[in-house]
Amino acid sequence: MDFFAFLAPIEWVVAWIMYLCHQGLEFLGFSDGPGPAWVLSIVGLVIIIRILLIPLFFKQIKASRGMQMLQPEMQAIQKKYKGKTDPASREAMSRETMELYRKHGTNPFASCMPILLQSPIFFALFRVLNGLVPISNGTDNPIGPIDASVASDIESSSVFGAQLSDIFLRTDDLQTRIVIGVLILAMCATTFFTQRQLTMKNMPKAALEGPMASTQKMMLYVFPFIFAVSGVNFPVGVLVYWTTTNLWSMGQQFYTIRRMPAPGSEAERQLKERQARKRAAKGIVEDATPVIEQPRGQRQQPKRKDRQKGTPRPAASSPAAHGDDAPVEDAPVEDAAPGSTGPSSGAPASGGSKPAPKKKKQK
């Protein structure tokens, strides 16, 4: 029993897409039969599949941002149940985590949807390319439009001397192994840089900490290692497909991160700097931050440092207090009548104190 029999419909679709891409390239002037047109038909397969997956790509971006925004709350839940290993605490932590995912409308698997949906196409293409030799020999049945003659043309097409059906472990040709080794290296490098671009540039600082961030950093190195180990079993056509789809992902992510970065990420800071430089080049001056004037109250009078409670205030200034420089006029003096007691007598109104001595007029 064939375990991958469920891939038969996908293999049929893949075969037809490759065949139609080849027909289109022939219309543009490429030669029929073995040649670069069949290699480019694999590139065309990538382009068509990725265009169909664009809606899922935007859902992936939305899900990834949702996961980034919930990181502070996720860390709070993890801190709350840190060190608690009893079943009740684990169940409560799982329940709160699922409620958090439901609140933000995301989950960890949503960000992996494009990769998961491409996996059946990847394995279907692997089976189509791996079955070219039996189909060309007549031992296997055709797959869609790929009959014996078409399979022979595809199998004979090459990339720098390596045929599309060649596998690193099944060939002894040095040149073919070098070409396959370079393709494996390109596949691993593009996988690494694609994941690194998404992780390091489009995530806020809060999302770069915690267990989930550690898992993502680990996957950043694990995936290229897995592809490096398993790549020696892939046909050249599959390596071309995977390298091309990684390049597409890099370009798509670069455009999205540059135009629509995640809030709080390094990419958002760079976007704001570019926008500020453009405004400055156009002579647009940003409005300064408005200064809110505080309400004015009564002005507080300054106090003397040496003034203490209970110290009498100095007497009000009088002409005598200004010094002897101020001119003083003699008041007219009238002789008091004997026995008179009023103010006209020249005595002060307060009683029996003697009048102040008169000052002499300065000459």
Protein backbone atom coordinates (compact mmCIF):
# COMPACT_ATOMS: atom_id res chain seq x y z
CA MET A 1 0.00 0.00 0.00
CA ASP A 2 1.36 3.41 -1.00
CA PHE A 3 1.43 5.70 2.03
CA PHE A 4 1.51 8.84 -0.16
CA ALA A 5 -1.41 7.79 -2.37
CA PHE A 6 -3.45 10.73 -1.05
CA LEU A 7 -1.01 13.03 -2.91
CA ALA A 8 -2.16 11.75 -6.33
CA PRO A 9 -4.60 14.65 -6.97
CA ILE A 10 -1.94 17.20 -5.97
CA GLU A 11 0.61 15.45 -8.22
CA TRP A 12 -1.84 15.75 -11.11
CA VAL A 13 -2.28 19.52 -10.45
CA VAL A 14 1.49 20.04 -10.17
CA ALA A 15 2.07 18.18 -13.46
CA TRP A 16 -0.49 20.29 -15.28
CA ILE A 17 0.92 23.59 -13.92
CA MET A 18 4.42 22.65 -15.01
CA TYR A 19 3.19 21.59 -18.43
CA LEU A 20 1.18 24.80 -18.99
CA CYS A 21 4.12 26.94 -17.83
CA HIS A 22 6.32 25.13 -20.35
CA GLN A 23 3.77 25.79 -23.09
CA GLY A 24 3.76 29.48 -22.19
CA LEU A 25 7.57 29.62 -22.32
CA GLU A 26 7.51 27.97 -25.75
CA PHE A 27 5.11 30.70 -26.86
CA LEU A 28 7.67 33.28 -25.66
CA GLY A 29 10.40 31.71 -27.80
CA PHE A 30 11.98 28.95 -25.71
CA SER A 31 12.79 25.72 -27.53
CA ASP A 32 10.74 22.57 -27.19
CA GLY A 33 12.20 19.41 -25.67
CA PRO A 34 14.93 19.26 -23.00
CA GLY A 35 16.26 22.65 -21.96
CA PRO A 36 15.93 25.58 -19.56
CA ALA A 37 12.20 25.90 -20.25
CA TRP A 38 11.46 22.94 -17.98
CA VAL A 39 13.67 24.44 -15.23
CA LEU A 40 11.81 27.73 -15.53
CA SER A 41 8.51 25.86 -15.46
CA ILE A 42 9.36 24.90 -11.87
CA VAL A 43 9.92 28.60 -11.14
CA GLY A 44 6.54 29.28 -12.73
CA LEU A 45 5.02 26.64 -10.46
CA VAL A 46 6.41 28.51 -7.45
CA ILE A 47 5.03 31.85 -8.64
CA ILE A 48 1.53 30.47 -9.28
CA ILE A 49 1.39 28.64 -5.94
CA ARG A 50 2.63 31.68 -3.98
CA ILE A 51 0.15 33.99 -5.69
CA LEU A 52 -2.65 31.63 -4.65
CA LEU A 53 -1.30 31.67 -1.09
CA ILE A 54 -1.18 35.50 -0.78
CA PRO A 55 -4.45 35.66 1.27
CA LEU A 56 -2.99 33.10 3.66
CA PHE A 57 0.22 35.10 3.81
CA PHE A 58 -1.66 38.15 5.10
CA LYS A 59 -3.41 35.93 7.63
CA GLN A 60 0.02 34.70 8.68
CA ILE A 61 1.22 38.31 9.15
CA LYS A 62 -1.88 39.11 11.20
CA ALA A 63 -1.42 35.99 13.33
CA SER A 64 2.28 36.72 13.86
CA ARG A 65 1.53 40.26 15.01
CA GLY A 66 -1.18 38.96 17.30
CA MET A 67 1.33 36.61 18.87
CA GLN A 68 3.77 39.49 19.29
CA MET A 69 1.21 41.76 20.94
CA LEU A 70 0.13 39.17 23.49
CA GLN A 71 3.68 38.44 24.67
CA PRO A 72 3.50 40.71 27.76
CA GLU A 73 0.28 39.03 28.88
CA MET A 74 1.75 35.61 28.09
CA GLN A 75 4.80 36.39 30.21
CA ALA A 76 2.51 37.48 33.05
CA ILE A 77 0.71 34.12 32.93
CA GLN A 78 4.00 32.23 32.86
CA LYS A 79 5.29 34.27 35.78
CA LYS A 80 2.06 33.61 37.69
CA TYR A 81 2.44 29.82 37.42
CA LYS A 82 6.23 29.68 37.56
CA GLY A 83 7.43 26.75 39.66
CA LYS A 84 3.94 25.24 39.97
CA THR A 85 3.90 21.69 38.61
CA ASP A 86 0.69 20.34 40.12
CA PRO A 87 -2.05 19.26 37.68
CA ALA A 88 -4.48 21.98 38.82
CA SER A 89 -1.95 24.76 38.11
CA ARG A 90 -1.05 23.29 34.74
CA GLU A 91 -4.71 23.06 33.77
CA ALA A 92 -5.34 26.63 34.90
CA MET A 93 -2.32 27.88 32.95
CA SER A 94 -3.49 26.09 29.79
CA ARG A 95 -6.99 27.47 30.22
CA GLU A 96 -5.76 31.07 30.65
CA THR A 97 -3.40 30.68 27.69
CA MET A 98 -6.20 29.47 25.40
CA GLU A 99 -8.41 32.30 26.63
CA LEU A 100 -5.62 34.73 25.77
CA TYR A 101 -5.37 33.29 22.23
CA ARG A 102 -9.15 33.60 21.88
CA LYS A 103 -9.05 37.20 23.09
CA HIS A 104 -6.46 38.25 20.49
CA GLY A 105 -7.92 36.03 17.74
CA THR A 106 -4.69 34.16 17.02
CA ASN A 107 -2.77 30.99 17.80
CA PRO A 108 0.80 29.71 17.25
CA PHE A 109 -0.22 27.48 14.33
CA ALA A 110 -1.74 30.30 12.25
CA SER A 111 1.71 31.74 11.51
CA CYS A 112 2.81 28.38 10.08
CA MET A 113 -0.13 27.95 7.69
CA PRO A 114 1.68 28.89 4.44
CA ILE A 115 4.49 26.42 5.20
CA LEU A 116 2.04 23.68 6.18
CA LEU A 117 -0.03 24.19 3.03
CA GLN A 118 3.08 24.15 0.85
CA SER A 119 4.24 20.84 2.30
CA PRO A 120 1.83 18.68 0.22
CA ILE A 121 2.90 20.58 -2.93
CA PHE A 122 6.53 20.07 -1.98
CA PHE A 123 6.10 16.31 -1.57
CA ALA A 124 3.92 16.07 -4.70
CA LEU A 125 6.65 17.75 -6.77
CA PHE A 126 9.19 15.42 -5.16
CA ARG A 127 7.18 12.40 -6.28
CA VAL A 128 6.66 13.79 -9.80
CA LEU A 129 10.39 14.42 -10.31
CA ASN A 130 11.34 11.17 -8.61
CA GLY A 131 9.04 9.23 -10.96
CA LEU A 132 10.29 10.73 -14.25
CA VAL A 133 12.64 7.83 -15.02
CA PRO A 134 10.01 5.08 -14.48
CA ILE A 135 7.45 7.08 -16.49
CA SER A 136 9.92 7.62 -19.36
CA ASN A 137 10.73 3.89 -19.34
CA GLY A 138 7.05 2.99 -19.43
CA THR A 139 7.09 1.16 -16.11
CA ASP A 140 4.86 3.73 -14.35
CA ASN A 141 1.64 5.36 -15.47
CA PRO A 142 1.65 8.95 -16.76
CA ILE A 143 0.81 11.78 -14.37
CA GLY A 144 -1.62 14.10 -16.10
CA PRO A 145 0.02 15.47 -19.27
CA ILE A 146 3.42 14.04 -18.33
CA ASP A 147 3.64 10.92 -20.46
CA ALA A 148 6.76 8.97 -21.49
CA SER A 149 8.03 11.53 -24.02
CA VAL A 150 7.40 14.56 -21.78
CA ALA A 151 8.96 12.78 -18.80
CA SER A 152 12.06 12.05 -20.91
CA ASP A 153 12.34 15.74 -21.85
CA ILE A 154 12.01 16.89 -18.22
CA GLU A 155 14.45 14.27 -16.96
CA SER A 156 17.05 15.30 -19.55
CA SER A 157 16.80 19.02 -18.71
CA SER A 158 19.66 20.20 -16.55
CA VAL A 159 20.90 23.02 -14.28
CA PHE A 160 24.61 23.67 -14.93
CA GLY A 161 25.04 20.06 -15.96
CA ALA A 162 22.89 18.48 -13.22
CA GLN A 163 19.66 16.91 -14.43
CA LEU A 164 16.40 17.77 -12.67
CA SER A 165 15.99 14.19 -11.44
CA ASP A 166 19.57 13.82 -10.10
CA ILE A 167 20.01 13.19 -6.37
CA PHE A 168 23.24 13.79 -4.45
CA LEU A 169 23.41 10.28 -2.97
CA ARG A 170 22.53 8.59 -6.28
CA THR A 171 25.12 10.13 -8.58
CA ASP A 172 28.87 9.71 -8.87
CA ASP A 173 29.47 12.67 -11.17
CA LEU A 174 31.59 15.29 -9.41
CA GLN A 175 30.15 18.26 -11.29
CA THR A 176 26.61 17.13 -10.50
CA ARG A 177 27.45 16.78 -6.82
CA ILE A 178 29.01 20.24 -6.73
CA VAL A 179 25.90 21.77 -8.33
CA ILE A 180 23.63 19.91 -5.92
CA GLY A 181 25.81 20.97 -2.97
CA VAL A 182 25.55 24.62 -4.02
CA LEU A 183 21.76 24.30 -4.35
CA ILE A 184 21.52 22.72 -0.89
CA LEU A 185 23.61 25.55 0.55
CA ALA A 186 21.40 28.14 -1.20
CA MET A 187 18.26 26.43 0.12
CA CYS A 188 19.56 26.45 3.71
CA ALA A 189 20.85 30.04 3.51
CA THR A 190 17.60 31.42 2.12
CA THR A 191 15.64 29.52 4.78
CA PHE A 192 17.82 31.02 7.52
CA PHE A 193 17.71 34.62 6.28
CA THR A 194 13.97 34.46 5.61
CA GLN A 195 13.29 33.38 9.19
CA ARG A 196 15.84 35.80 10.63
CA GLN A 197 14.34 38.76 8.76
CA LEU A 198 10.93 37.99 10.21
CA THR A 199 12.22 37.37 13.74
CA MET A 200 14.82 40.09 14.30
CA LYS A 201 13.44 43.06 12.35
CA ASN A 202 9.68 42.73 12.70
CA MET A 203 9.24 41.90 16.35
CA PRO A 204 8.99 44.30 19.31
CA LYS A 205 11.43 43.96 22.18
CA ALA A 206 8.81 42.31 24.38
CA ALA A 207 8.40 39.50 21.83
CA LEU A 208 12.15 38.82 21.78
CA GLU A 209 12.10 37.64 25.37
CA GLY A 210 10.61 34.62 27.04
CA PRO A 211 10.25 30.92 26.21
CA MET A 212 8.48 31.48 22.87
CA ALA A 213 11.28 33.78 21.68
CA SER A 214 13.80 31.12 22.68
CA THR A 215 11.86 28.54 20.68
CA GLN A 216 11.82 30.80 17.62
CA LYS A 217 15.57 31.41 17.89
CA MET A 218 16.13 27.67 18.15
CA MET A 219 13.99 27.06 15.05
CA LEU A 220 16.03 29.71 13.26
CA TYR A 221 18.98 27.30 13.32
CA VAL A 222 17.14 23.97 13.42
CA PHE A 223 15.30 24.35 10.10
CA PRO A 224 18.43 25.05 8.00
CA PHE A 225 20.16 22.10 9.66
CA ILE A 226 17.22 19.81 8.84
CA PHE A 227 17.24 20.95 5.20
CA ALA A 228 21.01 20.47 5.00
CA VAL A 229 20.72 16.86 6.22
CA SER A 230 17.66 15.95 4.16
CA GLY A 231 18.72 17.89 1.05
CA VAL A 232 21.05 15.12 -0.08
CA ASN A 233 17.91 13.05 -0.79
CA PHE A 234 16.10 15.73 -2.83
CA PRO A 235 16.11 15.81 -6.64
CA VAL A 236 17.61 18.91 -8.26
CA GLY A 237 14.15 20.08 -9.31
CA VAL A 238 12.95 20.06 -5.69
CA LEU A 239 16.01 22.06 -4.62
CA VAL A 240 15.24 24.59 -7.35
CA TYR A 241 11.63 24.76 -6.16
CA TRP A 242 12.49 25.27 -2.49
CA THR A 243 15.23 27.85 -3.14
CA THR A 244 12.89 29.80 -5.42
CA THR A 245 10.05 29.78 -2.89
CA ASN A 246 12.45 31.00 -0.18
CA LEU A 247 13.54 33.88 -2.41
CA TRP A 248 9.88 34.74 -3.02
CA SER A 249 9.24 34.67 0.75
CA MET A 250 12.22 36.96 1.40
CA GLY A 251 11.01 39.52 -1.12
CA GLN A 252 7.42 39.35 0.08
CA GLN A 253 8.43 39.75 3.71
CA PHE A 254 10.85 42.56 2.90
CA TYR A 255 8.07 44.53 1.19
CA THR A 256 5.58 43.87 4.00
CA ILE A 257 8.03 44.65 6.81
CA ARG A 258 9.21 47.83 5.08
CA ARG A 259 5.68 49.15 4.43
CA MET A 260 3.69 47.65 7.31
CA PRO A 261 6.05 46.91 10.21
CA ALA A 262 4.88 45.51 13.51
CA PRO A 263 4.27 48.14 16.22
CA GLY A 264 7.29 48.63 18.47
CA SER A 265 9.70 46.75 16.17
CA GLU A 266 13.02 47.87 14.74
CA ALA A 267 11.42 48.04 11.30
CA GLU A 268 8.85 50.54 12.59
CA ARG A 269 11.61 52.78 13.94
CA GLN A 270 13.39 52.71 10.58
CA LEU A 271 10.11 53.50 8.78
CA LYS A 272 9.58 56.58 10.95
CA GLU A 273 13.14 57.74 10.28
CA ARG A 274 12.60 57.40 6.51
CA GLN A 275 9.34 59.33 6.72
CA ALA A 276 11.02 62.08 8.74
CA ARG A 277 13.84 62.37 6.16
CA LYS A 278 11.32 62.61 3.32
CA ARG A 279 9.39 65.36 5.10
CA ALA A 280 12.61 67.22 5.80
CA ALA A 281 13.67 66.94 2.14
CA LYS A 282 10.35 68.44 1.06
CA GLY A 283 10.72 71.27 3.55
CA ILE A 284 7.83 70.15 5.69
CA VAL A 285 8.39 71.20 9.29
CA GLU A 286 6.64 69.15 11.90
CA ASP A 287 4.56 71.06 14.40
CA ALA A 288 6.27 71.39 17.71
CA THR A 289 4.67 69.77 20.70
CA PRO A 290 2.21 72.30 22.14
CA VAL A 291 3.23 73.67 25.51
CA ILE A 292 0.34 73.78 27.96
CA GLU A 293 0.55 76.97 30.00
CA GLN A 294 0.00 76.39 33.67
CA PRO A 295 -2.62 78.59 35.39
CA ARG A 296 -1.09 81.54 37.13
CA GLY A 297 -1.77 81.95 40.79
CA GLN A 298 -0.86 84.67 43.28
CA ARG A 299 2.83 85.46 43.27
CA GLN A 300 4.50 84.22 46.40
CA GLN A 301 6.45 86.93 48.14
CA PRO A 302 10.08 86.14 48.95
CA LYS A 303 10.93 85.64 52.58
CA ARG A 304 14.06 86.64 54.40
CA LYS A 305 16.11 83.68 55.53
CA ASP A 306 16.99 85.25 58.87
CA ARG A 307 13.40 86.16 59.66
CA GLN A 308 12.05 84.19 62.56
CA LYS A 309 8.69 83.97 64.15
CA GLY A 310 8.17 86.57 66.80
CA THR A 311 10.74 89.02 65.44
CA PRO A 312 9.16 92.49 65.31
CA ARG A 313 8.85 94.09 61.93
CA PRO A 314 10.92 97.24 61.35
CA ALA A 315 9.11 100.51 61.92
CA ALA A 316 7.71 102.34 58.96
CA SER A 317 10.05 104.75 57.36
CA SER A 318 9.79 108.40 58.36
CA PRO A 319 11.63 111.48 57.22
CA ALA A 320 13.94 111.08 60.19
CA ALA A 321 14.79 107.54 59.14
CA HIS A 322 16.22 108.68 55.83
CA GLY A 323 19.15 110.38 57.49
CA ASP A 324 20.13 113.91 58.16
CA ASP A 325 20.25 114.81 54.52
CA ALA A 326 16.49 115.33 54.29
CA PRO A 327 15.52 118.98 54.88
CA VAL A 328 13.41 119.61 57.93
CA GLU A 329 11.32 122.76 58.35
CA ASP A 330 10.71 124.33 61.73
CA ALA A 331 7.08 124.33 62.69
CA PRO A 332 5.74 127.66 63.91
CA VAL A 333 5.51 127.87 67.69
CA GLU A 334 2.93 130.00 69.44
CA ASP A 335 3.09 131.05 73.04
CA ALA A 336 0.61 129.11 75.08
CA ALA A 337 -1.87 131.02 77.15
CA PRO A 338 -1.66 130.47 80.86
CA GLY A 339 -3.95 127.70 81.95
CA SER A 340 -4.92 126.54 78.51
CA THR A 341 -5.04 122.81 77.91
CA GLY A 342 -5.94 122.22 74.27
CA PRO A 343 -3.88 121.51 71.28
CA SER A 344 -3.28 125.15 70.83
CA SER A 345 -1.16 125.15 73.93
CA GLY A 346 1.56 123.32 72.04
CA ALA A 347 1.33 120.19 74.27
CA PRO A 348 0.68 116.84 72.69
CA ALA A 349 -2.84 115.48 72.74
CA SER A 350 -1.78 112.37 74.55
CA GLY A 351 -1.01 114.11 77.83
CA GLY A 352 1.97 115.04 79.84
CA SER A 353 4.93 114.07 77.70
CA LYS A 354 7.27 116.83 76.73
CA PRO A 355 7.39 117.95 73.14
CA ALA A 356 10.23 116.68 71.02
CA PRO A 357 13.12 119.09 70.72
CA LYS A 358 13.17 121.09 67.55
CA LYS A 359 15.89 120.49 65.06
CA LYS A 360 17.89 123.33 63.80
CA LYS A 361 17.53 124.23 60.19
CA GLN A 362 20.59 123.34 58.24
CA LYS A 363 22.28 126.07 56.42
